[in-house]
Amino acid sequence: MSTEETTILRGCLSLVLMPFWLLFTFYVHVPFLIARKIWRWYRLPLEQRLAIRAKEREQFERSWEEVEAIIRAELIAHGLPDTPANRARLNSTRAWRRKR
């Protein structure tokens, strides 16, 4: 067999085996990774899990505070008071700018 024939054979074989790889990945490997993550999470001590959740909650709140500060700064830059109507107007122009 020449190298060209073996290359063609390998290509055909990989095309035939691709559905099996995909089935294995989505029905075996991905559920295994999810189950392992859940298993490791519940094996952690409760204090450690609570500390991780508190840190994640703090980061989430901090990110929303940053968003609020950016919105307030943009309202001040436009010379608008911080009212729900002005926030809606600011959001509508932002969406309009994104479409263009």
Protein backbone atom coordinates (compact mmCIF):
# COMPACT_ATOMS: atom_id res chain seq x y z
CA MET A 1 0.00 0.00 0.00
CA SER A 2 1.27 3.43 -0.87
CA THR A 3 1.22 6.37 1.50
CA GLU A 4 -1.56 7.98 -0.51
CA GLU A 5 -3.77 4.91 -0.11
CA THR A 6 -3.13 4.74 3.62
CA THR A 7 -3.96 8.44 3.96
CA ILE A 8 -7.25 7.90 2.12
CA LEU A 9 -7.99 4.83 4.26
CA ARG A 10 -7.29 6.77 7.47
CA GLY A 11 -9.56 9.60 6.30
CA CYS A 12 -12.42 7.21 5.54
CA LEU A 13 -11.91 5.41 8.84
CA SER A 14 -12.00 8.68 10.76
CA LEU A 15 -15.23 9.66 9.00
CA VAL A 16 -16.77 6.30 9.89
CA LEU A 17 -15.68 6.51 13.53
CA MET A 18 -16.70 10.15 14.06
CA PRO A 19 -20.33 9.38 15.09
CA PHE A 20 -19.06 6.89 17.66
CA TRP A 21 -16.63 9.47 19.09
CA LEU A 22 -19.43 12.01 19.31
CA LEU A 23 -21.77 9.53 21.00
CA PHE A 24 -19.05 8.54 23.44
CA THR A 25 -18.26 12.19 24.20
CA PHE A 26 -21.83 13.32 24.82
CA TYR A 27 -23.18 10.20 26.51
CA VAL A 28 -20.17 9.05 28.54
CA HIS A 29 -17.42 11.65 28.87
CA VAL A 30 -19.47 14.81 29.52
CA PRO A 31 -21.75 13.15 32.13
CA PHE A 32 -18.65 11.71 33.78
CA LEU A 33 -17.09 15.18 34.04
CA ILE A 34 -20.30 16.63 35.50
CA ALA A 35 -20.70 13.78 38.00
CA ARG A 36 -17.04 14.10 39.03
CA LYS A 37 -17.45 17.84 39.64
CA ILE A 38 -20.57 17.24 41.75
CA TRP A 39 -18.87 14.42 43.64
CA ARG A 40 -15.80 16.55 44.43
CA TRP A 41 -17.99 19.51 45.46
CA TYR A 42 -19.91 17.47 48.03
CA ARG A 43 -16.73 15.85 49.34
CA LEU A 44 -15.43 19.30 50.33
CA PRO A 45 -16.02 20.27 53.96
CA LEU A 46 -19.12 22.39 54.51
CA GLU A 47 -17.10 25.38 55.76
CA GLN A 48 -15.03 25.40 52.59
CA ARG A 49 -18.13 25.17 50.37
CA LEU A 50 -19.77 28.03 52.26
CA ALA A 51 -16.62 30.15 51.90
CA ILE A 52 -16.49 29.51 48.16
CA ARG A 53 -20.17 30.41 47.76
CA ALA A 54 -19.75 33.57 49.84
CA LYS A 55 -16.80 34.67 47.70
CA GLU A 56 -18.75 34.01 44.48
CA ARG A 57 -21.76 35.94 45.84
CA GLU A 58 -19.49 38.85 46.79
CA GLN A 59 -17.93 38.92 43.30
CA PHE A 60 -21.40 38.86 41.73
CA GLU A 61 -22.58 41.79 43.86
CA ARG A 62 -19.38 43.71 43.14
CA SER A 63 -19.86 43.24 39.39
CA TRP A 64 -23.39 44.67 39.62
CA GLU A 65 -22.08 47.63 41.60
CA GLU A 66 -19.57 48.28 38.81
CA VAL A 67 -22.36 48.18 36.22
CA GLU A 68 -24.42 50.63 38.28
CA ALA A 69 -21.42 52.97 38.60
CA ILE A 70 -20.88 52.89 34.83
CA ILE A 71 -24.56 53.66 34.17
CA ARG A 72 -24.52 56.54 36.68
CA ALA A 73 -21.34 57.93 35.11
CA GLU A 74 -22.89 57.80 31.67
CA LEU A 75 -26.04 59.54 32.93
CA ILE A 76 -23.92 62.26 34.52
CA ALA A 77 -21.90 62.61 31.31
CA HIS A 78 -25.14 63.25 29.42
CA GLY A 79 -26.33 65.64 32.12
CA LEU A 80 -29.38 63.53 33.00
CA PRO A 81 -30.72 62.81 36.49
CA ASP A 82 -30.76 59.19 37.64
CA THR A 83 -34.40 58.26 36.99
CA PRO A 84 -35.92 55.08 35.55
CA ALA A 85 -37.06 56.97 32.44
CA ASN A 86 -33.54 58.24 31.76
CA ARG A 87 -32.07 54.78 32.33
CA ALA A 88 -34.56 53.36 29.82
CA ARG A 89 -33.67 56.09 27.34
CA LEU A 90 -29.96 55.38 27.82
CA ASN A 91 -30.51 51.63 27.32
CA SER A 92 -32.59 52.16 24.19
CA THR A 93 -29.90 54.30 22.57
CA ARG A 94 -27.28 51.73 23.55
CA ALA A 95 -29.29 48.96 21.86
CA TRP A 96 -29.82 51.21 18.82
CA ARG A 97 -26.06 51.83 18.61
CA ARG A 98 -25.36 48.09 18.87
CA LYS A 99 -27.60 47.34 15.89
CA ARG A 100 -25.71 49.73 13.61
